[in-house]
Amino acid sequence: MSEISAERYFAALRPVATRLARLVERGDRLQADLDSRIVEQAKAAISARLDTTADPAFELLAGLARSPRTRDRGIRCGHRRQRRVVGRVNKATRERRGVRMLAKLIPTKAHAAMDYAVGLLLIASPWLFEFADESTVATWIAVLAGVAMLGLSAITDYEGGLLARLIPMRTHLLADAGLGLLLAVSPWLFGFADEGTNAWLPFLAIGLGEIASAATTDPEPGKRSRRRSTARSAA
């Protein structure tokens, strides 16, 4: 086996191997498989006559590897494909931008503070709004809803999860929306809407506020909260 032929053999195959690696990176698995078969056949033919510099398969492979037209065509195709992918991503980003701005106004840290504040407000609302003596049902609903909100917040995977990080933030937001809906309709559902404005208005206002808060909160906790949750899981 001559040294010159071996060097030319590897020099001819190196650009083709690089092209195959790029095809695999772009996800062109079918084209990569086809090119792999061609390269293997050419390598077999070249290896059989490595000492013969005029081997047709070797010259064909070396010529393809050195061809500026083939190289430029591959670069142009790659650039066109990259532009198409970037264009699709940008279009999807623009379409979702309005929804994202509406859906992620409140960070999870602020939402956690609101949860505890609203939970305490619900517990104190029968005496704060003076309907404790007018409706026992309304009093129990307000107190139980407040306790449920505090308990849910204490075990949610966000900055307010003081006891554990068991409940995902998206599940927490769904529970907030459900509890808000229940609070908003509870004066008419449980029959204390006739007890006065001070009895039904707090439930309606807090319920609608909970629904709006759930709809406009970012469901992804902050970086610090995610690191703390990961550390707890690892421990």
C-alpha atoms as a PDB file:
ATOM      1  CA  MET A   1       0.000   0.000   0.000  1.00  0.00           C
ATOM      2  CA  SER A   2       1.575   3.301  -1.006  1.00  0.00           C
ATOM      3  CA  GLU A   3       1.650   6.290   1.357  1.00  0.00           C
ATOM      4  CA  ILE A   4       0.430   8.698  -1.303  1.00  0.00           C
ATOM      5  CA  SER A   5      -2.627   6.596  -2.116  1.00  0.00           C
ATOM      6  CA  ALA A   6      -3.582   6.326   1.558  1.00  0.00           C
ATOM      7  CA  GLU A   7      -3.331  10.084   2.039  1.00  0.00           C
ATOM      8  CA  ARG A   8      -5.446  10.719  -1.038  1.00  0.00           C
ATOM      9  CA  TYR A   9      -7.947   8.116   0.175  1.00  0.00           C
ATOM     10  CA  PHE A  10      -8.493   9.863   3.522  1.00  0.00           C
ATOM     11  CA  ALA A  11      -8.449  13.319   1.916  1.00  0.00           C
ATOM     12  CA  ALA A  12     -11.219  12.238  -0.438  1.00  0.00           C
ATOM     13  CA  LEU A  13     -13.390  10.697   2.270  1.00  0.00           C
ATOM     14  CA  ARG A  14     -13.038  13.447   4.883  1.00  0.00           C
ATOM     15  CA  PRO A  15     -15.381  15.986   3.153  1.00  0.00           C
ATOM     16  CA  VAL A  16     -17.981  13.287   2.580  1.00  0.00           C
ATOM     17  CA  ALA A  17     -17.862  12.244   6.248  1.00  0.00           C
ATOM     18  CA  THR A  18     -18.269  15.899   7.254  1.00  0.00           C
ATOM     19  CA  ARG A  19     -21.289  16.230   4.974  1.00  0.00           C
ATOM     20  CA  LEU A  20     -22.858  13.120   6.489  1.00  0.00           C
ATOM     21  CA  ALA A  21     -22.394  14.509   9.995  1.00  0.00           C
ATOM     22  CA  ARG A  22     -24.112  17.753   8.978  1.00  0.00           C
ATOM     23  CA  LEU A  23     -26.994  15.847   7.390  1.00  0.00           C
ATOM     24  CA  VAL A  24     -27.529  13.882  10.605  1.00  0.00           C
ATOM     25  CA  GLU A  25     -27.416  17.092  12.665  1.00  0.00           C
ATOM     26  CA  ARG A  26     -30.124  18.622  10.450  1.00  0.00           C
ATOM     27  CA  GLY A  27     -32.253  15.525  10.812  1.00  0.00           C
ATOM     28  CA  ASP A  28     -32.043  14.382   7.175  1.00  0.00           C
ATOM     29  CA  ARG A  29     -31.910  10.726   8.199  1.00  0.00           C
ATOM     30  CA  LEU A  30     -33.125   9.312   4.859  1.00  0.00           C
ATOM     31  CA  GLN A  31     -30.573  11.255   2.812  1.00  0.00           C
ATOM     32  CA  ALA A  32     -27.870  10.398   5.337  1.00  0.00           C
ATOM     33  CA  ASP A  33     -28.668   6.673   5.027  1.00  0.00           C
ATOM     34  CA  LEU A  34     -28.509   6.852   1.229  1.00  0.00           C
ATOM     35  CA  ASP A  35     -25.203   8.736   1.313  1.00  0.00           C
ATOM     36  CA  SER A  36     -23.824   6.248   3.836  1.00  0.00           C
ATOM     37  CA  ARG A  37     -24.512   3.362   1.458  1.00  0.00           C
ATOM     38  CA  ILE A  38     -22.812   5.186  -1.425  1.00  0.00           C
ATOM     39  CA  VAL A  39     -19.777   5.969   0.717  1.00  0.00           C
ATOM     40  CA  GLU A  40     -19.505   2.385   1.986  1.00  0.00           C
ATOM     41  CA  GLN A  41     -19.615   1.029  -1.571  1.00  0.00           C
ATOM     42  CA  ALA A  42     -17.003   3.532  -2.682  1.00  0.00           C
ATOM     43  CA  LYS A  43     -14.793   2.758   0.311  1.00  0.00           C
ATOM     44  CA  ALA A  44     -14.981  -0.967  -0.467  1.00  0.00           C
ATOM     45  CA  ALA A  45     -14.002  -0.352  -4.070  1.00  0.00           C
ATOM     46  CA  ILE A  46     -11.172   1.996  -3.084  1.00  0.00           C
ATOM     47  CA  SER A  47      -9.863  -0.300  -0.368  1.00  0.00           C
ATOM     48  CA  ALA A  48      -9.718  -3.195  -2.831  1.00  0.00           C
ATOM     49  CA  ARG A  49      -7.374  -1.220  -5.106  1.00  0.00           C
ATOM     50  CA  LEU A  50      -5.864   1.378  -2.806  1.00  0.00           C
ATOM     51  CA  ASP A  51      -2.519   1.202  -4.582  1.00  0.00           C
ATOM     52  CA  THR A  52      -4.120   2.028  -7.924  1.00  0.00           C
ATOM     53  CA  THR A  53      -4.474   5.803  -8.157  1.00  0.00           C
ATOM     54  CA  ALA A  54      -6.602   5.580 -11.294  1.00  0.00           C
ATOM     55  CA  ASP A  55      -9.345   3.552  -9.607  1.00  0.00           C
ATOM     56  CA  PRO A  56     -12.686   4.798 -11.050  1.00  0.00           C
ATOM     57  CA  ALA A  57     -14.561   4.707  -7.738  1.00  0.00           C
ATOM     58  CA  PHE A  58     -11.751   6.571  -6.008  1.00  0.00           C
ATOM     59  CA  GLU A  59     -11.607   9.258  -8.683  1.00  0.00           C
ATOM     60  CA  LEU A  60     -15.395   9.614  -8.661  1.00  0.00           C
ATOM     61  CA  LEU A  61     -15.496  10.022  -4.902  1.00  0.00           C
ATOM     62  CA  ALA A  62     -12.559  12.418  -4.844  1.00  0.00           C
ATOM     63  CA  GLY A  63     -14.069  14.440  -7.675  1.00  0.00           C
ATOM     64  CA  LEU A  64     -17.411  14.743  -5.914  1.00  0.00           C
ATOM     65  CA  ALA A  65     -15.711  15.794  -2.703  1.00  0.00           C
ATOM     66  CA  ARG A  66     -13.696  18.482  -4.512  1.00  0.00           C
ATOM     67  CA  SER A  67     -16.513  19.697  -6.776  1.00  0.00           C
ATOM     68  CA  PRO A  68     -17.313  23.414  -6.064  1.00  0.00           C
ATOM     69  CA  ARG A  69     -20.739  23.025  -7.695  1.00  0.00           C
ATOM     70  CA  THR A  70     -21.738  20.226  -5.315  1.00  0.00           C
ATOM     71  CA  ARG A  71     -20.345  22.081  -2.332  1.00  0.00           C
ATOM     72  CA  ASP A  72     -22.035  25.369  -3.257  1.00  0.00           C
ATOM     73  CA  ARG A  73     -25.342  23.600  -3.935  1.00  0.00           C
ATOM     74  CA  GLY A  74     -25.229  21.976  -0.496  1.00  0.00           C
ATOM     75  CA  ILE A  75     -24.506  25.310   1.144  1.00  0.00           C
ATOM     76  CA  ARG A  76     -27.354  27.018  -0.733  1.00  0.00           C
ATOM     77  CA  CYS A  77     -29.801  24.253   0.175  1.00  0.00           C
ATOM     78  CA  GLY A  78     -28.732  24.424   3.795  1.00  0.00           C
ATOM     79  CA  HIS A  79     -29.212  28.189   3.876  1.00  0.00           C
ATOM     80  CA  ARG A  80     -32.654  27.944   2.255  1.00  0.00           C
ATOM     81  CA  ARG A  81     -33.739  25.275   4.715  1.00  0.00           C
ATOM     82  CA  GLN A  82     -32.415  27.330   7.642  1.00  0.00           C
ATOM     83  CA  ARG A  83     -34.300  30.408   6.423  1.00  0.00           C
ATOM     84  CA  ARG A  84     -37.534  28.385   6.104  1.00  0.00           C
ATOM     85  CA  VAL A  85     -37.186  26.996   9.629  1.00  0.00           C
ATOM     86  CA  VAL A  86     -36.363  30.405  11.124  1.00  0.00           C
ATOM     87  CA  GLY A  87     -39.285  31.949   9.232  1.00  0.00           C
ATOM     88  CA  ARG A  88     -41.707  29.361  10.609  1.00  0.00           C
ATOM     89  CA  VAL A  89     -40.398  29.889  14.146  1.00  0.00           C
ATOM     90  CA  ASN A  90     -40.687  33.662  13.866  1.00  0.00           C
ATOM     91  CA  LYS A  91     -44.228  33.402  12.480  1.00  0.00           C
ATOM     92  CA  ALA A  92     -45.303  31.087  15.303  1.00  0.00           C
ATOM     93  CA  THR A  93     -43.658  33.407  17.828  1.00  0.00           C
ATOM     94  CA  ARG A  94     -45.521  36.418  16.454  1.00  0.00           C
ATOM     95  CA  GLU A  95     -48.819  34.548  16.514  1.00  0.00           C
ATOM     96  CA  ARG A  96     -48.356  33.512  20.137  1.00  0.00           C
ATOM     97  CA  ARG A  97     -46.933  36.814  21.358  1.00  0.00           C
ATOM     98  CA  GLY A  98     -50.298  38.446  22.074  1.00  0.00           C
ATOM     99  CA  VAL A  99     -51.621  35.408  23.930  1.00  0.00           C
ATOM    100  CA  ARG A 100     -48.392  35.078  25.884  1.00  0.00           C
ATOM    101  CA  MET A 101     -48.480  38.703  27.022  1.00  0.00           C
ATOM    102  CA  LEU A 102     -52.024  38.249  28.301  1.00  0.00           C
ATOM    103  CA  ALA A 103     -51.400  34.882  29.908  1.00  0.00           C
ATOM    104  CA  LYS A 104     -48.162  35.721  31.737  1.00  0.00           C
ATOM    105  CA  LEU A 105     -48.720  39.085  33.356  1.00  0.00           C
ATOM    106  CA  ILE A 106     -48.355  37.857  36.959  1.00  0.00           C
ATOM    107  CA  PRO A 107     -45.184  36.018  38.059  1.00  0.00           C
ATOM    108  CA  THR A 108     -45.550  33.054  40.382  1.00  0.00           C
ATOM    109  CA  LYS A 109     -43.906  34.914  43.260  1.00  0.00           C
ATOM    110  CA  ALA A 110     -46.576  37.628  43.148  1.00  0.00           C
ATOM    111  CA  HIS A 111     -49.272  34.996  42.717  1.00  0.00           C
ATOM    112  CA  ALA A 112     -48.065  33.229  45.871  1.00  0.00           C
ATOM    113  CA  ALA A 113     -48.357  36.457  47.887  1.00  0.00           C
ATOM    114  CA  MET A 114     -51.858  37.013  46.485  1.00  0.00           C
ATOM    115  CA  ASP A 115     -52.884  33.452  47.388  1.00  0.00           C
ATOM    116  CA  TYR A 116     -51.983  33.880  51.050  1.00  0.00           C
ATOM    117  CA  ALA A 117     -53.543  37.334  51.204  1.00  0.00           C
ATOM    118  CA  VAL A 118     -56.814  36.172  49.631  1.00  0.00           C
ATOM    119  CA  GLY A 119     -56.881  33.063  51.821  1.00  0.00           C
ATOM    120  CA  LEU A 120     -56.611  35.160  54.978  1.00  0.00           C
ATOM    121  CA  LEU A 121     -59.175  37.617  53.590  1.00  0.00           C
ATOM    122  CA  LEU A 122     -61.669  34.811  53.011  1.00  0.00           C
ATOM    123  CA  ILE A 123     -61.234  33.493  56.551  1.00  0.00           C
ATOM    124  CA  ALA A 124     -61.757  36.945  58.028  1.00  0.00           C
ATOM    125  CA  SER A 125     -64.458  38.068  55.578  1.00  0.00           C
ATOM    126  CA  PRO A 126     -67.528  36.942  57.637  1.00  0.00           C
ATOM    127  CA  TRP A 127     -66.535  39.343  60.400  1.00  0.00           C
ATOM    128  CA  LEU A 128     -64.831  41.903  58.182  1.00  0.00           C
ATOM    129  CA  PHE A 129     -67.927  42.329  55.987  1.00  0.00           C
ATOM    130  CA  GLU A 130     -70.326  41.590  58.874  1.00  0.00           C
ATOM    131  CA  PHE A 131     -72.317  38.717  57.410  1.00  0.00           C
ATOM    132  CA  ALA A 132     -71.336  36.143  60.057  1.00  0.00           C
ATOM    133  CA  ASP A 133     -74.591  36.732  61.986  1.00  0.00           C
ATOM    134  CA  GLU A 134     -76.717  36.823  58.823  1.00  0.00           C
ATOM    135  CA  SER A 135     -75.718  33.564  57.097  1.00  0.00           C
ATOM    136  CA  THR A 136     -74.031  30.571  58.678  1.00  0.00           C
ATOM    137  CA  VAL A 137     -73.673  28.944  55.247  1.00  0.00           C
ATOM    138  CA  ALA A 138     -71.809  31.928  53.837  1.00  0.00           C
ATOM    139  CA  THR A 139     -69.538  31.994  56.887  1.00  0.00           C
ATOM    140  CA  TRP A 140     -68.603  28.334  56.571  1.00  0.00           C
ATOM    141  CA  ILE A 141     -68.030  28.598  52.816  1.00  0.00           C
ATOM    142  CA  ALA A 142     -65.747  31.613  53.253  1.00  0.00           C
ATOM    143  CA  VAL A 143     -63.721  30.017  56.057  1.00  0.00           C
ATOM    144  CA  LEU A 144     -63.371  26.646  54.332  1.00  0.00           C
ATOM    145  CA  ALA A 145     -62.421  28.270  51.017  1.00  0.00           C
ATOM    146  CA  GLY A 146     -59.769  30.354  52.782  1.00  0.00           C
ATOM    147  CA  VAL A 147     -58.305  27.339  54.572  1.00  0.00           C
ATOM    148  CA  ALA A 148     -58.307  25.351  51.314  1.00  0.00           C
ATOM    149  CA  MET A 149     -56.498  28.149  49.502  1.00  0.00           C
ATOM    150  CA  LEU A 150     -53.825  28.411  52.200  1.00  0.00           C
ATOM    151  CA  GLY A 151     -53.331  24.649  52.246  1.00  0.00           C
ATOM    152  CA  LEU A 152     -53.104  24.439  48.462  1.00  0.00           C
ATOM    153  CA  SER A 153     -50.563  27.258  48.384  1.00  0.00           C
ATOM    154  CA  ALA A 154     -48.397  25.631  51.056  1.00  0.00           C
ATOM    155  CA  ILE A 155     -47.881  22.467  48.985  1.00  0.00           C
ATOM    156  CA  THR A 156     -47.637  23.982  45.478  1.00  0.00           C
ATOM    157  CA  ASP A 157     -44.417  23.897  43.482  1.00  0.00           C
ATOM    158  CA  TYR A 158     -43.740  27.658  43.498  1.00  0.00           C
ATOM    159  CA  GLU A 159     -42.291  30.334  45.757  1.00  0.00           C
ATOM    160  CA  GLY A 160     -45.172  30.004  48.232  1.00  0.00           C
ATOM    161  CA  GLY A 161     -44.765  26.252  48.762  1.00  0.00           C
ATOM    162  CA  LEU A 162     -43.741  26.472  52.410  1.00  0.00           C
ATOM    163  CA  LEU A 163     -44.486  22.875  53.412  1.00  0.00           C
ATOM    164  CA  ALA A 164     -43.815  20.895  50.222  1.00  0.00           C
ATOM    165  CA  ARG A 165     -43.640  21.162  46.442  1.00  0.00           C
ATOM    166  CA  LEU A 166     -46.176  18.476  45.516  1.00  0.00           C
ATOM    167  CA  ILE A 167     -48.679  20.212  43.218  1.00  0.00           C
ATOM    168  CA  PRO A 168     -47.563  21.561  39.802  1.00  0.00           C
ATOM    169  CA  MET A 169     -48.258  25.223  39.124  1.00  0.00           C
ATOM    170  CA  ARG A 170     -50.638  24.496  36.251  1.00  0.00           C
ATOM    171  CA  THR A 171     -52.734  22.257  38.497  1.00  0.00           C
ATOM    172  CA  HIS A 172     -52.733  25.008  41.122  1.00  0.00           C
ATOM    173  CA  LEU A 173     -54.025  27.526  38.584  1.00  0.00           C
ATOM    174  CA  LEU A 174     -56.797  25.170  37.500  1.00  0.00           C
ATOM    175  CA  ALA A 175     -57.791  24.743  41.154  1.00  0.00           C
ATOM    176  CA  ASP A 176     -57.765  28.537  41.594  1.00  0.00           C
ATOM    177  CA  ALA A 177     -60.065  28.969  38.605  1.00  0.00           C
ATOM    178  CA  GLY A 178     -62.434  26.271  39.900  1.00  0.00           C
ATOM    179  CA  LEU A 179     -62.515  27.747  43.397  1.00  0.00           C
ATOM    180  CA  GLY A 180     -63.080  31.224  41.940  1.00  0.00           C
ATOM    181  CA  LEU A 181     -66.021  29.979  39.903  1.00  0.00           C
ATOM    182  CA  LEU A 182     -67.505  28.284  42.957  1.00  0.00           C
ATOM    183  CA  LEU A 183     -67.128  31.429  45.065  1.00  0.00           C
ATOM    184  CA  ALA A 184     -68.669  33.620  42.357  1.00  0.00           C
ATOM    185  CA  VAL A 185     -71.837  31.520  42.066  1.00  0.00           C
ATOM    186  CA  SER A 186     -72.068  30.388  45.711  1.00  0.00           C
ATOM    187  CA  PRO A 187     -74.477  33.187  46.861  1.00  0.00           C
ATOM    188  CA  TRP A 188     -77.076  31.923  44.390  1.00  0.00           C
ATOM    189  CA  LEU A 189     -76.072  28.267  44.537  1.00  0.00           C
ATOM    190  CA  PHE A 190     -76.374  28.064  48.338  1.00  0.00           C
ATOM    191  CA  GLY A 191     -79.184  30.603  48.707  1.00  0.00           C
ATOM    192  CA  PHE A 192     -77.679  33.482  50.690  1.00  0.00           C
ATOM    193  CA  ALA A 193     -77.798  36.114  47.919  1.00  0.00           C
ATOM    194  CA  ASP A 194     -80.872  37.658  49.610  1.00  0.00           C
ATOM    195  CA  GLU A 195     -78.986  38.264  52.864  1.00  0.00           C
ATOM    196  CA  GLY A 196     -77.675  41.609  51.619  1.00  0.00           C
ATOM    197  CA  THR A 197     -74.971  43.085  49.432  1.00  0.00           C
ATOM    198  CA  ASN A 198     -72.364  42.597  52.166  1.00  0.00           C
ATOM    199  CA  ALA A 199     -73.017  38.825  51.960  1.00  0.00           C
ATOM    200  CA  TRP A 200     -72.894  38.156  48.216  1.00  0.00           C
ATOM    201  CA  LEU A 201     -70.645  40.916  46.839  1.00  0.00           C
ATOM    202  CA  PRO A 202     -67.404  39.726  48.543  1.00  0.00           C
ATOM    203  CA  PHE A 203     -67.899  36.220  47.128  1.00  0.00           C
ATOM    204  CA  LEU A 204     -68.551  37.503  43.629  1.00  0.00           C
ATOM    205  CA  ALA A 205     -65.605  39.933  43.683  1.00  0.00           C
ATOM    206  CA  ILE A 206     -63.116  37.455  45.155  1.00  0.00           C
ATOM    207  CA  GLY A 207     -64.320  34.688  42.820  1.00  0.00           C
ATOM    208  CA  LEU A 208     -63.922  36.790  39.686  1.00  0.00           C
ATOM    209  CA  GLY A 209     -60.538  37.973  40.946  1.00  0.00           C
ATOM    210  CA  GLU A 210     -59.391  34.375  41.399  1.00  0.00           C
ATOM    211  CA  ILE A 211     -60.460  33.470  37.866  1.00  0.00           C
ATOM    212  CA  ALA A 212     -58.639  36.492  36.418  1.00  0.00           C
ATOM    213  CA  SER A 213     -55.538  35.737  38.489  1.00  0.00           C
ATOM    214  CA  ALA A 214     -55.464  32.129  37.323  1.00  0.00           C
ATOM    215  CA  ALA A 215     -55.830  33.202  33.682  1.00  0.00           C
ATOM    216  CA  THR A 216     -53.046  35.816  33.764  1.00  0.00           C
ATOM    217  CA  THR A 217     -50.380  34.089  35.871  1.00  0.00           C
ATOM    218  CA  ASP A 218     -47.213  32.677  34.346  1.00  0.00           C
ATOM    219  CA  PRO A 219     -47.440  28.898  34.942  1.00  0.00           C
ATOM    220  CA  GLU A 220     -43.655  28.533  35.030  1.00  0.00           C
ATOM    221  CA  PRO A 221     -42.084  29.208  38.464  1.00  0.00           C
ATOM    222  CA  GLY A 222     -39.064  31.490  38.686  1.00  0.00           C
ATOM    223  CA  LYS A 223     -35.495  30.190  38.323  1.00  0.00           C
ATOM    224  CA  ARG A 224     -34.803  30.364  42.049  1.00  0.00           C
ATOM    225  CA  SER A 225     -37.947  28.399  42.844  1.00  0.00           C
ATOM    226  CA  ARG A 226     -37.049  25.740  40.246  1.00  0.00           C
ATOM    227  CA  ARG A 227     -33.552  25.356  41.702  1.00  0.00           C
ATOM    228  CA  ARG A 228     -34.970  24.989  45.204  1.00  0.00           C
ATOM    229  CA  SER A 229     -37.494  22.414  43.985  1.00  0.00           C
ATOM    230  CA  THR A 230     -34.769  20.453  42.184  1.00  0.00           C
ATOM    231  CA  ALA A 231     -32.569  20.493  45.279  1.00  0.00           C
ATOM    232  CA  ARG A 232     -35.422  19.179  47.430  1.00  0.00           C
ATOM    233  CA  SER A 233     -36.166  16.409  44.928  1.00  0.00           C
ATOM    234  CA  ALA A 234     -32.521  15.363  44.855  1.00  0.00           C
ATOM    235  CA  ALA A 235     -32.375  15.293  48.656  1.00  0.00           C
END
